[in-house]
Protein backbone atom coordinates (compact mmCIF):
# COMPACT_ATOMS: atom_id res chain seq x y z
CA UNK A 1 -97.38 59.04 -159.74
CA UNK A 2 -97.82 56.07 -162.40
CA UNK A 3 -100.61 54.44 -164.06
CA UNK A 4 -100.88 51.29 -165.32
CA UNK A 5 -103.24 49.57 -168.23
CA UNK A 6 -103.63 45.59 -168.69
CA UNK A 7 -102.72 43.42 -166.21
CA UNK A 8 -99.98 43.53 -164.11
CA UNK A 9 -99.42 39.72 -163.27
CA UNK A 10 -95.45 38.60 -163.67
CA UNK A 11 -97.40 34.78 -164.73
CA UNK A 12 -95.91 33.51 -167.88
CA UNK A 13 -98.83 33.21 -170.34
CA UNK A 14 -99.09 29.53 -171.99
CA UNK A 15 -99.45 29.77 -175.86
CA UNK A 16 -102.38 28.34 -177.35
CA UNK A 17 -101.82 25.12 -178.89
CA UNK A 18 -102.89 24.45 -182.42
CA UNK A 19 -106.28 23.40 -182.85
CA UNK A 20 -107.00 20.22 -184.15
CA UNK A 21 -109.62 21.50 -186.83
CA UNK A 22 -110.73 24.76 -188.07
CA UNK A 23 -114.13 25.84 -187.00
CA UNK A 24 -116.74 25.03 -189.38
CA UNK A 25 -119.68 26.78 -190.53
CA UNK A 26 -122.89 26.22 -189.44
CA UNK A 27 -124.07 22.94 -190.64
CA UNK A 28 -121.21 21.87 -191.73
CA UNK A 29 -119.23 19.25 -190.60
CA UNK A 30 -115.65 20.15 -189.52
CA UNK A 31 -112.30 19.74 -191.54
CA UNK A 32 -109.89 17.55 -188.91
CA UNK A 33 -106.23 17.93 -189.81
CA UNK A 34 -104.08 15.03 -191.02
CA UNK A 35 -101.36 13.60 -189.91
CA UNK A 36 -98.76 11.68 -191.74
CA UNK A 37 -98.33 8.04 -190.12
CA UNK A 38 -95.51 5.48 -191.29
CA UNK A 39 -97.65 2.73 -189.56
CA UNK A 40 -101.42 1.74 -188.58
CA UNK A 41 -101.54 3.07 -185.17
CA UNK A 42 -103.53 0.88 -182.54
CA UNK A 43 -105.49 3.93 -181.35
CA UNK A 44 -109.06 4.98 -183.72
CA UNK A 45 -109.68 7.59 -185.39
CA UNK A 46 -110.73 10.33 -182.70
CA UNK A 47 -107.63 9.22 -180.37
CA UNK A 48 -104.56 11.28 -182.49
CA UNK A 49 -102.85 12.58 -178.95
CA UNK A 50 -103.24 8.50 -177.49
CA UNK A 51 -99.67 7.93 -177.48
CA UNK A 52 -98.82 11.38 -175.77
CA UNK A 53 -101.32 10.69 -172.93
CA UNK A 54 -100.01 7.09 -172.59
CA UNK A 55 -96.73 9.03 -172.19
CA UNK A 56 -98.21 10.23 -169.44
CA UNK A 57 -99.44 6.96 -167.97
CA UNK A 58 -96.37 5.23 -168.48
CA UNK A 59 -94.47 8.12 -166.42
CA UNK A 60 -97.13 7.15 -163.18
CA UNK A 61 -96.85 3.43 -163.30
CA UNK A 62 -92.59 4.02 -163.02
CA UNK A 63 -93.68 6.28 -159.92
CA UNK A 64 -93.48 9.75 -161.24
CA UNK A 65 -95.94 12.08 -159.68
CA UNK A 66 -97.84 13.21 -161.83
CA UNK A 67 -100.83 15.16 -160.49
CA UNK A 68 -103.50 16.93 -161.94
CA UNK A 69 -102.51 20.12 -162.88
CA UNK A 70 -98.97 19.43 -163.76
CA UNK A 71 -97.36 21.15 -166.41
CA UNK A 72 -96.96 18.02 -168.41
CA UNK A 73 -100.21 16.94 -169.17
CA UNK A 74 -101.08 20.14 -170.92
CA UNK A 75 -101.82 19.86 -174.81
CA UNK A 76 -102.80 16.11 -174.29
CA UNK A 77 -105.91 15.11 -174.82
CA UNK A 78 -106.22 12.47 -176.69
CA UNK A 79 -109.71 12.91 -178.71
CA UNK A 80 -111.53 15.31 -180.47
CA UNK A 81 -114.85 16.39 -180.62
CA UNK A 82 -116.13 15.24 -184.39
CA UNK A 83 -119.13 13.21 -185.58
CA UNK A 84 -117.53 9.04 -184.38
CA UNK A 85 -116.42 7.93 -187.60
CA UNK A 86 -116.38 3.99 -188.31
CA UNK A 87 -112.50 2.23 -187.97
CA UNK A 88 -111.01 1.12 -190.95
CA UNK A 89 -109.74 -2.50 -190.34
CA UNK A 90 -106.51 -3.84 -191.84
CA UNK A 91 -106.86 -6.13 -194.73
CA UNK A 92 -106.02 -9.12 -193.80
CA UNK A 93 -106.95 -7.90 -190.07
CA UNK A 94 -104.07 -7.66 -187.96
CA UNK A 95 -103.85 -7.10 -184.52
CA UNK A 96 -102.58 -3.65 -183.39
CA UNK A 97 -100.51 -4.00 -181.52
CA UNK A 98 -99.15 -7.62 -180.57
CA UNK A 99 -98.35 -6.53 -177.04
CA UNK A 100 -100.71 -4.33 -175.10
CA UNK A 101 -99.39 -1.69 -173.02
CA UNK A 102 -99.17 -1.15 -169.33
CA UNK A 103 -102.80 2.13 -169.85
CA UNK A 104 -104.06 -0.90 -172.07
CA UNK A 105 -103.96 -4.08 -169.71
CA UNK A 106 -105.37 -1.33 -166.83
CA UNK A 107 -108.13 -0.24 -168.55
CA UNK A 108 -109.36 -3.76 -169.58
CA UNK A 109 -108.87 -4.73 -165.70
CA UNK A 110 -110.99 -1.57 -165.43
CA UNK A 111 -114.15 -2.65 -167.39
CA UNK A 112 -114.05 -6.45 -166.32
CA UNK A 113 -114.03 -4.94 -162.27
CA UNK A 114 -117.80 -3.18 -163.53
CA UNK A 115 -118.69 -6.48 -165.63
CA UNK A 116 -118.12 -8.77 -163.22
CA UNK A 117 -119.68 -7.21 -160.22
CA UNK A 118 -121.25 -10.08 -158.37
CA UNK A 119 -124.32 -9.95 -156.43
CA UNK A 120 -124.52 -7.33 -152.90
CA UNK A 121 -126.66 -6.21 -150.75
CA UNK A 122 -128.75 -4.57 -154.05
CA UNK A 123 -129.36 -7.95 -155.89
CA UNK A 124 -131.10 -8.72 -152.24
CA UNK A 125 -133.05 -5.30 -152.06
CA UNK A 126 -134.13 -6.14 -154.93
CA UNK A 127 -135.32 -9.81 -154.45
CA UNK A 128 -137.39 -9.49 -151.69
CA UNK A 129 -139.17 -6.09 -153.00
CA UNK A 130 -139.95 -8.34 -155.70
CA UNK A 131 -141.07 -11.36 -153.44
CA UNK A 132 -143.29 -9.27 -151.82
CA UNK A 133 -147.17 -9.97 -151.68
CA UNK A 134 -149.42 -7.83 -151.90
CA UNK A 135 -152.96 -10.04 -153.37
CA UNK A 136 -156.00 -9.62 -151.93
CA UNK A 137 -155.28 -12.50 -149.38
CA UNK A 138 -152.97 -10.44 -148.12
CA UNK A 139 -153.03 -7.27 -145.03
CA UNK A 140 -150.59 -4.48 -145.83
CA UNK A 141 -147.48 -3.85 -143.54
CA UNK A 142 -145.90 -0.78 -142.96
CA UNK A 143 -142.54 -2.00 -143.28
CA UNK A 144 -142.84 -3.36 -146.70
CA UNK A 145 -142.81 0.27 -148.19
CA UNK A 146 -139.62 -0.02 -147.19
CA UNK A 147 -138.86 -2.69 -148.44
CA UNK A 148 -140.31 -1.74 -152.32
CA UNK A 149 -138.25 1.37 -152.07
CA UNK A 150 -134.57 -0.44 -151.26
CA UNK A 151 -135.75 -2.72 -153.92
CA UNK A 152 -136.45 0.45 -156.39
CA UNK A 153 -133.31 1.69 -155.58
CA UNK A 154 -131.42 -1.45 -156.11
CA UNK A 155 -132.64 -1.87 -159.40
CA UNK A 156 -131.93 2.24 -160.33
CA UNK A 157 -127.86 1.25 -158.56
CA UNK A 158 -128.07 -1.73 -160.88
CA UNK A 159 -129.02 0.08 -164.30
CA UNK A 160 -126.36 3.08 -163.81
CA UNK A 161 -123.20 -0.10 -163.12
CA UNK A 162 -124.55 -1.96 -166.02
CA UNK A 163 -124.63 1.27 -168.02
CA UNK A 164 -121.20 2.11 -166.90
CA UNK A 165 -119.52 -1.15 -167.62
CA UNK A 166 -121.30 -1.19 -171.46
CA UNK A 167 -119.28 2.75 -171.55
CA UNK A 168 -116.39 1.43 -169.91
CA UNK A 169 -116.13 -1.66 -173.05
CA UNK A 170 -117.44 0.72 -175.89
CA UNK A 171 -114.68 3.31 -175.04
CA UNK A 172 -111.70 0.57 -174.85
CA UNK A 173 -113.53 -0.77 -178.49
CA UNK A 174 -113.51 2.54 -179.48
CA UNK A 175 -110.03 3.79 -178.46
CA UNK A 176 -108.24 0.60 -179.14
CA UNK A 177 -109.88 -0.74 -182.63
CA UNK A 178 -107.94 -3.85 -183.42
CA UNK A 179 -106.46 -4.64 -180.19
CA UNK A 180 -108.56 -8.74 -180.20
CA UNK A 181 -106.80 -11.54 -181.98
CA UNK A 182 -109.54 -11.04 -184.70
CA UNK A 183 -112.75 -10.30 -186.07
CA UNK A 184 -114.84 -12.54 -184.16
CA UNK A 185 -113.07 -11.81 -180.73
CA UNK A 186 -114.08 -8.11 -181.51
CA UNK A 187 -117.58 -9.27 -182.34
CA UNK A 188 -116.97 -11.15 -179.11
CA UNK A 189 -116.54 -7.43 -177.33
CA UNK A 190 -119.38 -5.83 -178.91
CA UNK A 191 -121.95 -8.52 -178.03
CA UNK A 192 -121.03 -8.00 -173.88
CA UNK A 193 -121.66 -4.70 -173.95
CA UNK A 194 -124.61 -5.27 -175.69
CA UNK A 195 -125.73 -7.58 -172.79
CA UNK A 196 -125.42 -4.58 -170.24
CA UNK A 197 -127.15 -2.10 -171.99
CA UNK A 198 -129.97 -4.98 -172.15
CA UNK A 199 -129.27 -5.38 -168.00
CA UNK A 200 -129.64 -1.82 -167.77
CA UNK A 201 -133.02 -1.86 -169.83
CA UNK A 202 -134.14 -4.73 -167.41
CA UNK A 203 -133.59 -3.06 -163.58
CA UNK A 204 -135.18 0.21 -165.44
CA UNK A 205 -138.18 -2.01 -166.18
CA UNK A 206 -137.63 -3.63 -163.24
CA UNK A 207 -137.76 -0.16 -161.21
CA UNK A 208 -141.06 0.92 -162.63
CA UNK A 209 -142.54 -2.33 -162.13
CA UNK A 210 -141.66 -1.82 -158.62
CA UNK A 211 -142.53 1.33 -158.12
CA UNK A 212 -146.04 0.37 -159.68
CA UNK A 213 -146.11 -2.20 -156.86
CA UNK A 214 -144.85 0.49 -154.18
CA UNK A 215 -148.26 2.58 -155.43
CA UNK A 216 -150.74 -0.33 -154.45
CA UNK A 217 -149.42 -1.12 -151.53
CA UNK A 218 -149.81 3.04 -150.35
CA UNK A 219 -153.01 2.61 -151.78
CA UNK A 220 -153.89 -0.51 -149.19
CA UNK A 221 -152.47 1.26 -146.26
CA UNK A 222 -154.52 4.23 -146.96
CA UNK A 223 -157.47 2.30 -147.20
CA UNK A 224 -156.84 -0.17 -143.76
């Protein structure tokens, strides 16, 4: 009879990758290890492993099957946890890279698809709920509650969508800070981010207004 100690698994253990920064003392910022670069990277300061991640994207674009959990995906996370740093633009400003990679084009298409969402059933539900009259001269009807709730749900959906659009745009600018032709184009991109955030805030306020309308409708229905 024999006894075994420890794990009996025959699977090879993956060695831990070297951390990108040392664990800081309490209330201290982490010290990020700097990597030598011959020329300025297209990636922002928080994406040191961006090229490794982009290699996987290119292989997938060439029809190679690399599913989640694939061994080649290990140690390719391209950002690290650290307080956000401002990007140091080149002087004079230059576009980096001059020709976008397939990954960059795909990410741009993604945020444009979010930002270019057209009016849909949620937009119509918001319009119907907003146009609903609940004054003294208008008798409340049971179906009005459903209309108002649909309008509230539509506002919530549009607020989430607008936030996603802002996050996608902002993430692209953070990842590829010099991807546009000049600083004016970069400023225009930032203005679009602000518009998406303001749009989300507008839909949240509209949802609050419709919630108040639903409360008034319920009170009128209860008083009949």
